[in-house]
Every structure is written in C-alpha cells, then in structure tokens.
Amino acid sequence: MKTLGEFVQRLQVDPAFEKQAQAFDNGDELLAFITREGYDFTLDQLAQEFKHGANLPTEVGGLTPPPRM
C-alpha cells in the first residue's frame, strides 16, 4: 500500500489525479477513491497533514481536507 506522503506528492505532480481527488463532496467518497488508488491512510491523517502545515492546501493545488461527516 502507498503512503500519505506518496499521495500528497502525486497531488503535486499529477494534475489529472489532483482534479479527481478534488471532485468528491464528502469524506466517504474521497476515502473510497484513496483506497481504490492503493493508498493506506485515514481522512484524519490527511487532515492532520494539512493542519500541521507540512503540505498546505495551496502547495497541493488547493486541495482542502474533506468535510467531516
């Protein structure tokens, strides 16, 4: 399985992938996409990545953490 870091890196270098990831309206759909793509992390981990500022949304093409359900 691929890591959160690999996911963030792919967002930065693959505009088509980034666009796909941004298309989801809720966390469950985004998590299903993440899993289908072979990544293994939770939405909480993704949110923490953004929160810690290591990869701010503006640095990954404006992707923002999914809304909490």
PDB file of N, CA and C in Angstrom:
ATOM      1  N   MET A   1       0.831  -1.185   0.000  1.00  0.00           N
ATOM      2  CA  MET A   1       0.000   0.000   0.000  1.00  0.00           C
ATOM      3  C   MET A   1       0.878   1.252   0.000  1.00  0.00           C
ATOM      4  N   LYS A   2       0.351   2.278  -0.620  1.00  0.00           N
ATOM      5  CA  LYS A   2       1.079   3.538  -0.717  1.00  0.00           C
ATOM      6  C   LYS A   2       0.752   4.428   0.483  1.00  0.00           C
ATOM      7  N   THR A   3       1.650   5.327   0.785  1.00  0.00           N
ATOM      8  CA  THR A   3       1.536   6.153   1.992  1.00  0.00           C
ATOM      9  C   THR A   3       0.884   7.504   1.716  1.00  0.00           C
ATOM     10  N   LEU A   4       0.575   8.189   2.801  1.00  0.00           N
ATOM     11  CA  LEU A   4       0.047   9.545   2.725  1.00  0.00           C
ATOM     12  C   LEU A   4       1.026  10.468   2.013  1.00  0.00           C
ATOM     13  N   GLY A   5       2.309  10.330   2.318  1.00  0.00           N
ATOM     14  CA  GLY A   5       3.317  11.162   1.667  1.00  0.00           C
ATOM     15  C   GLY A   5       3.328  10.959   0.162  1.00  0.00           C
ATOM     16  N   GLU A   6       3.166   9.720  -0.267  1.00  0.00           N
ATOM     17  CA  GLU A   6       3.113   9.433  -1.696  1.00  0.00           C
ATOM     18  C   GLU A   6       1.872  10.053  -2.335  1.00  0.00           C
ATOM     19  N   PHE A   7       0.764  10.038  -1.605  1.00  0.00           N
ATOM     20  CA  PHE A   7      -0.473  10.645  -2.089  1.00  0.00           C
ATOM     21  C   PHE A   7      -0.288  12.146  -2.293  1.00  0.00           C
ATOM     22  N   VAL A   8       0.255  12.819  -1.293  1.00  0.00           N
ATOM     23  CA  VAL A   8       0.467  14.259  -1.376  1.00  0.00           C
ATOM     24  C   VAL A   8       1.431  14.587  -2.513  1.00  0.00           C
ATOM     25  N   GLN A   9       2.471  13.797  -2.642  1.00  0.00           N
ATOM     26  CA  GLN A   9       3.426  14.023  -3.730  1.00  0.00           C
ATOM     27  C   GLN A   9       2.746  13.876  -5.089  1.00  0.00           C
ATOM     28  N   ARG A  10       1.905  12.860  -5.222  1.00  0.00           N
ATOM     29  CA  ARG A  10       1.210  12.664  -6.504  1.00  0.00           C
ATOM     30  C   ARG A  10       0.273  13.833  -6.796  1.00  0.00           C
ATOM     31  N   LEU A  11      -0.369  14.374  -5.776  1.00  0.00           N
ATOM     32  CA  LEU A  11      -1.217  15.549  -5.980  1.00  0.00           C
ATOM     33  C   LEU A  11      -0.408  16.705  -6.569  1.00  0.00           C
ATOM     34  N   GLN A  12       0.826  16.811  -6.134  1.00  0.00           N
ATOM     35  CA  GLN A  12       1.683  17.912  -6.561  1.00  0.00           C
ATOM     36  C   GLN A  12       2.164  17.764  -8.001  1.00  0.00           C
ATOM     37  N   VAL A  13       2.299  16.539  -8.471  1.00  0.00           N
ATOM     38  CA  VAL A  13       2.910  16.326  -9.795  1.00  0.00           C
ATOM     39  C   VAL A  13       1.941  15.819 -10.858  1.00  0.00           C
ATOM     40  N   ASP A  14       0.731  15.444 -10.474  1.00  0.00           N
ATOM     41  CA  ASP A  14      -0.224  14.856 -11.410  1.00  0.00           C
ATOM     42  C   ASP A  14      -1.536  15.640 -11.386  1.00  0.00           C
ATOM     43  N   PRO A  15      -1.674  16.623 -12.285  1.00  0.00           N
ATOM     44  CA  PRO A  15      -2.877  17.464 -12.286  1.00  0.00           C
ATOM     45  C   PRO A  15      -4.179  16.685 -12.482  1.00  0.00           C
ATOM     46  N   ALA A  16      -4.167  15.647 -13.288  1.00  0.00           N
ATOM     47  CA  ALA A  16      -5.381  14.857 -13.502  1.00  0.00           C
ATOM     48  C   ALA A  16      -5.792  14.137 -12.219  1.00  0.00           C
ATOM     49  N   PHE A  17      -4.820  13.598 -11.497  1.00  0.00           N
ATOM     50  CA  PHE A  17      -5.095  12.925 -10.230  1.00  0.00           C
ATOM     51  C   PHE A  17      -5.630  13.927  -9.204  1.00  0.00           C
ATOM     52  N   GLU A  18      -5.005  15.089  -9.163  1.00  0.00           N
ATOM     53  CA  GLU A  18      -5.460  16.135  -8.241  1.00  0.00           C
ATOM     54  C   GLU A  18      -6.915  16.511  -8.532  1.00  0.00           C
ATOM     55  N   LYS A  19      -7.248  16.649  -9.794  1.00  0.00           N
ATOM     56  CA  LYS A  19      -8.615  17.008 -10.178  1.00  0.00           C
ATOM     57  C   LYS A  19      -9.599  15.924  -9.730  1.00  0.00           C
ATOM     58  N   GLN A  20      -9.218  14.664  -9.898  1.00  0.00           N
ATOM     59  CA  GLN A  20     -10.064  13.564  -9.439  1.00  0.00           C
ATOM     60  C   GLN A  20     -10.291  13.651  -7.933  1.00  0.00           C
ATOM     61  N   ALA A  21      -9.229  13.882  -7.186  1.00  0.00           N
ATOM     62  CA  ALA A  21      -9.323  13.918  -5.726  1.00  0.00           C
ATOM     63  C   ALA A  21     -10.191  15.077  -5.252  1.00  0.00           C
ATOM     64  N   GLN A  22     -10.208  16.160  -5.995  1.00  0.00           N
ATOM     65  CA  GLN A  22     -10.993  17.327  -5.611  1.00  0.00           C
ATOM     66  C   GLN A  22     -12.473  17.178  -5.948  1.00  0.00           C
ATOM     67  N   ALA A  23     -12.828  16.185  -6.732  1.00  0.00           N
ATOM     68  CA  ALA A  23     -14.193  16.041  -7.229  1.00  0.00           C
ATOM     69  C   ALA A  23     -15.179  15.502  -6.195  1.00  0.00           C
ATOM     70  N   PHE A  24     -14.701  15.055  -5.051  1.00  0.00           N
ATOM     71  CA  PHE A  24     -15.583  14.408  -4.087  1.00  0.00           C
ATOM     72  C   PHE A  24     -16.172  15.411  -3.107  1.00  0.00           C
ATOM     73  N   ASP A  25     -17.491  15.229  -2.855  1.00  0.00           N
ATOM     74  CA  ASP A  25     -18.209  16.141  -1.978  1.00  0.00           C
ATOM     75  C   ASP A  25     -18.175  15.727  -0.513  1.00  0.00           C
ATOM     76  N   ASN A  26     -17.825  14.478  -0.255  1.00  0.00           N
ATOM     77  CA  ASN A  26     -17.804  14.061   1.148  1.00  0.00           C
ATOM     78  C   ASN A  26     -16.635  13.113   1.409  1.00  0.00           C
ATOM     79  N   GLY A  27     -16.339  12.956   2.657  1.00  0.00           N
ATOM     80  CA  GLY A  27     -15.189  12.173   3.081  1.00  0.00           C
ATOM     81  C   GLY A  27     -15.268  10.705   2.711  1.00  0.00           C
ATOM     82  N   ASP A  28     -16.471  10.117   2.763  1.00  0.00           N
ATOM     83  CA  ASP A  28     -16.605   8.701   2.432  1.00  0.00           C
ATOM     84  C   ASP A  28     -16.227   8.438   0.978  1.00  0.00           C
ATOM     85  N   GLU A  29     -16.663   9.314   0.076  1.00  0.00           N
ATOM     86  CA  GLU A  29     -16.331   9.155  -1.339  1.00  0.00           C
ATOM     87  C   GLU A  29     -14.831   9.340  -1.561  1.00  0.00           C
ATOM     88  N   LEU A  30     -14.244  10.322  -0.902  1.00  0.00           N
ATOM     89  CA  LEU A  30     -12.810  10.552  -1.030  1.00  0.00           C
ATOM     90  C   LEU A  30     -12.030   9.363  -0.491  1.00  0.00           C
ATOM     91  N   LEU A  31     -12.433   8.831   0.645  1.00  0.00           N
ATOM     92  CA  LEU A  31     -11.738   7.677   1.225  1.00  0.00           C
ATOM     93  C   LEU A  31     -11.836   6.465   0.297  1.00  0.00           C
ATOM     94  N   ALA A  32     -12.979   6.254  -0.328  1.00  0.00           N
ATOM     95  CA  ALA A  32     -13.127   5.145  -1.275  1.00  0.00           C
ATOM     96  C   ALA A  32     -12.171   5.334  -2.455  1.00  0.00           C
ATOM     97  N   PHE A  33     -12.045   6.557  -2.949  1.00  0.00           N
ATOM     98  CA  PHE A  33     -11.114   6.859  -4.038  1.00  0.00           C
ATOM     99  C   PHE A  33      -9.677   6.575  -3.604  1.00  0.00           C
ATOM    100  N   ILE A  34      -9.321   7.040  -2.428  1.00  0.00           N
ATOM    101  CA  ILE A  34      -7.972   6.846  -1.892  1.00  0.00           C
ATOM    102  C   ILE A  34      -7.649   5.351  -1.844  1.00  0.00           C
ATOM    103  N   THR A  35      -8.576   4.568  -1.332  1.00  0.00           N
ATOM    104  CA  THR A  35      -8.377   3.124  -1.212  1.00  0.00           C
ATOM    105  C   THR A  35      -8.274   2.467  -2.588  1.00  0.00           C
ATOM    106  N   ARG A  36      -9.155   2.857  -3.516  1.00  0.00           N
ATOM    107  CA  ARG A  36      -9.106   2.289  -4.877  1.00  0.00           C
ATOM    108  C   ARG A  36      -7.766   2.560  -5.553  1.00  0.00           C
ATOM    109  N   GLU A  37      -7.179   3.697  -5.233  1.00  0.00           N
ATOM    110  CA  GLU A  37      -5.899   4.068  -5.835  1.00  0.00           C
ATOM    111  C   GLU A  37      -4.706   3.391  -5.146  1.00  0.00           C
ATOM    112  N   GLY A  38      -4.984   2.633  -4.079  1.00  0.00           N
ATOM    113  CA  GLY A  38      -3.932   1.855  -3.427  1.00  0.00           C
ATOM    114  C   GLY A  38      -3.238   2.549  -2.272  1.00  0.00           C
ATOM    115  N   TYR A  39      -3.843   3.600  -1.753  1.00  0.00           N
ATOM    116  CA  TYR A  39      -3.247   4.325  -0.630  1.00  0.00           C
ATOM    117  C   TYR A  39      -3.846   3.818   0.670  1.00  0.00           C
ATOM    118  N   ASP A  40      -3.059   3.901   1.732  1.00  0.00           N
ATOM    119  CA  ASP A  40      -3.479   3.374   3.028  1.00  0.00           C
ATOM    120  C   ASP A  40      -3.263   4.426   4.108  1.00  0.00           C
ATOM    121  N   PHE A  41      -4.272   5.274   4.295  1.00  0.00           N
ATOM    122  CA  PHE A  41      -4.269   6.253   5.379  1.00  0.00           C
ATOM    123  C   PHE A  41      -5.709   6.683   5.616  1.00  0.00           C
ATOM    124  N   THR A  42      -5.931   7.315   6.737  1.00  0.00           N
ATOM    125  CA  THR A  42      -7.278   7.753   7.091  1.00  0.00           C
ATOM    126  C   THR A  42      -7.480   9.216   6.720  1.00  0.00           C
ATOM    127  N   LEU A  43      -8.730   9.625   6.717  1.00  0.00           N
ATOM    128  CA  LEU A  43      -9.034  11.033   6.469  1.00  0.00           C
ATOM    129  C   LEU A  43      -8.492  11.902   7.595  1.00  0.00           C
ATOM    130  N   ASP A  44      -8.476  11.368   8.807  1.00  0.00           N
ATOM    131  CA  ASP A  44      -7.901  12.120   9.926  1.00  0.00           C
ATOM    132  C   ASP A  44      -6.409  12.368   9.700  1.00  0.00           C
ATOM    133  N   GLN A  45      -5.711  11.374   9.186  1.00  0.00           N
ATOM    134  CA  GLN A  45      -4.287  11.559   8.893  1.00  0.00           C
ATOM    135  C   GLN A  45      -4.092  12.609   7.804  1.00  0.00           C
ATOM    136  N   LEU A  46      -4.956  12.588   6.793  1.00  0.00           N
ATOM    137  CA  LEU A  46      -4.877  13.584   5.729  1.00  0.00           C
ATOM    138  C   LEU A  46      -5.141  14.979   6.290  1.00  0.00           C
ATOM    139  N   ALA A  47      -6.151  15.101   7.117  1.00  0.00           N
ATOM    140  CA  ALA A  47      -6.462  16.387   7.734  1.00  0.00           C
ATOM    141  C   ALA A  47      -5.299  16.874   8.595  1.00  0.00           C
ATOM    142  N   GLN A  48      -4.680  15.964   9.342  1.00  0.00           N
ATOM    143  CA  GLN A  48      -3.530  16.337  10.177  1.00  0.00           C
ATOM    144  C   GLN A  48      -2.362  16.816   9.321  1.00  0.00           C
ATOM    145  N   GLU A  49      -2.172  16.184   8.180  1.00  0.00           N
ATOM    146  CA  GLU A  49      -1.098  16.595   7.264  1.00  0.00           C
ATOM    147  C   GLU A  49      -1.292  18.049   6.843  1.00  0.00           C
ATOM    148  N   PHE A  50      -2.524  18.397   6.505  1.00  0.00           N
ATOM    149  CA  PHE A  50      -2.820  19.773   6.130  1.00  0.00           C
ATOM    150  C   PHE A  50      -2.703  20.709   7.338  1.00  0.00           C
ATOM    151  N   LYS A  51      -3.209  20.255   8.473  1.00  0.00           N
ATOM    152  CA  LYS A  51      -3.208  21.085   9.673  1.00  0.00           C
ATOM    153  C   LYS A  51      -1.791  21.425  10.142  1.00  0.00           C
ATOM    154  N   HIS A  52      -0.894  20.471  10.053  1.00  0.00           N
ATOM    155  CA  HIS A  52       0.477  20.699  10.506  1.00  0.00           C
ATOM    156  C   HIS A  52       1.247  21.632   9.589  1.00  0.00           C
ATOM    157  N   GLY A  53       0.689  21.918   8.441  1.00  0.00           N
ATOM    158  CA  GLY A  53       1.332  22.887   7.561  1.00  0.00           C
ATOM    159  C   GLY A  53       2.483  22.340   6.750  1.00  0.00           C
ATOM    160  N   ALA A  54       2.748  21.040   6.873  1.00  0.00           N
ATOM    161  CA  ALA A  54       3.837  20.462   6.085  1.00  0.00           C
ATOM    162  C   ALA A  54       3.519  20.542   4.600  1.00  0.00           C
ATOM    163  N   ASN A  55       2.257  20.388   4.280  1.00  0.00           N
ATOM    164  CA  ASN A  55       1.807  20.486   2.898  1.00  0.00           C
ATOM    165  C   ASN A  55       0.499  21.269   2.893  1.00  0.00           C
ATOM    166  N   LEU A  56       0.600  22.551   2.946  1.00  0.00           N
ATOM    167  CA  LEU A  56      -0.584  23.392   2.974  1.00  0.00           C
ATOM    168  C   LEU A  56      -1.400  23.191   1.709  1.00  0.00           C
ATOM    169  N   PRO A  57      -2.717  23.361   1.793  1.00  0.00           N
ATOM    170  CA  PRO A  57      -3.552  23.166   0.618  1.00  0.00           C
ATOM    171  C   PRO A  57      -3.076  23.947  -0.605  1.00  0.00           C
ATOM    172  N   THR A  58      -2.533  25.125  -0.419  1.00  0.00           N
ATOM    173  CA  THR A  58      -2.059  25.881  -1.569  1.00  0.00           C
ATOM    174  C   THR A  58      -0.857  25.216  -2.206  1.00  0.00           C
ATOM    175  N   GLU A  59      -0.156  24.374  -1.460  1.00  0.00           N
ATOM    176  CA  GLU A  59       1.002  23.682  -2.004  1.00  0.00           C
ATOM    177  C   GLU A  59       0.613  22.421  -2.750  1.00  0.00           C
ATOM    178  N   VAL A  60      -0.610  21.967  -2.572  1.00  0.00           N
ATOM    179  CA  VAL A  60      -1.064  20.787  -3.299  1.00  0.00           C
ATOM    180  C   VAL A  60      -2.246  21.169  -4.181  1.00  0.00           C
ATOM    181  N   GLY A  61      -2.093  22.273  -4.848  1.00  0.00           N
ATOM    182  CA  GLY A  61      -3.077  22.671  -5.835  1.00  0.00           C
ATOM    183  C   GLY A  61      -4.404  23.103  -5.284  1.00  0.00           C
ATOM    184  N   GLY A  62      -4.462  23.484  -4.027  1.00  0.00           N
ATOM    185  CA  GLY A  62      -5.708  23.968  -3.463  1.00  0.00           C
ATOM    186  C   GLY A  62      -6.602  22.889  -2.885  1.00  0.00           C
ATOM    187  N   LEU A  63      -6.151  21.634  -2.885  1.00  0.00           N
ATOM    188  CA  LEU A  63      -6.963  20.579  -2.293  1.00  0.00           C
ATOM    189  C   LEU A  63      -7.133  20.872  -0.825  1.00  0.00           C
ATOM    190  N   THR A  64      -8.353  20.841  -0.369  1.00  0.00           N
ATOM    191  CA  THR A  64      -8.627  21.076   1.038  1.00  0.00           C
ATOM    192  C   THR A  64      -9.113  19.790   1.667  1.00  0.00           C
ATOM    193  N   PRO A  65      -8.931  19.636   2.952  1.00  0.00           N
ATOM    194  CA  PRO A  65      -9.407  18.435   3.613  1.00  0.00           C
ATOM    195  C   PRO A  65     -10.909  18.281   3.425  1.00  0.00           C
ATOM    196  N   PRO A  66     -11.400  17.045   3.350  1.00  0.00           N
ATOM    197  CA  PRO A  66     -12.819  16.813   3.132  1.00  0.00           C
ATOM    198  C   PRO A  66     -13.630  17.247   4.340  1.00  0.00           C
ATOM    199  N   PRO A  67     -14.894  17.592   4.103  1.00  0.00           N
ATOM    200  CA  PRO A  67     -15.749  17.967   5.233  1.00  0.00           C
ATOM    201  C   PRO A  67     -15.981  16.781   6.148  1.00  0.00           C
ATOM    202  N   ARG A  68     -16.040  17.046   7.414  1.00  0.00           N
ATOM    203  CA  ARG A  68     -16.319  15.988   8.392  1.00  0.00           C
ATOM    204  C   ARG A  68     -17.787  15.607   8.298  1.00  0.00           C
ATOM    205  N   MET A  69     -18.045  14.343   8.443  1.00  0.00           N
ATOM    206  CA  MET A  69     -19.418  13.828   8.373  1.00  0.00           C
ATOM    207  C   MET A  69     -19.999  13.741   9.745  1.00  0.00           C
TER     208      MET A  69
END
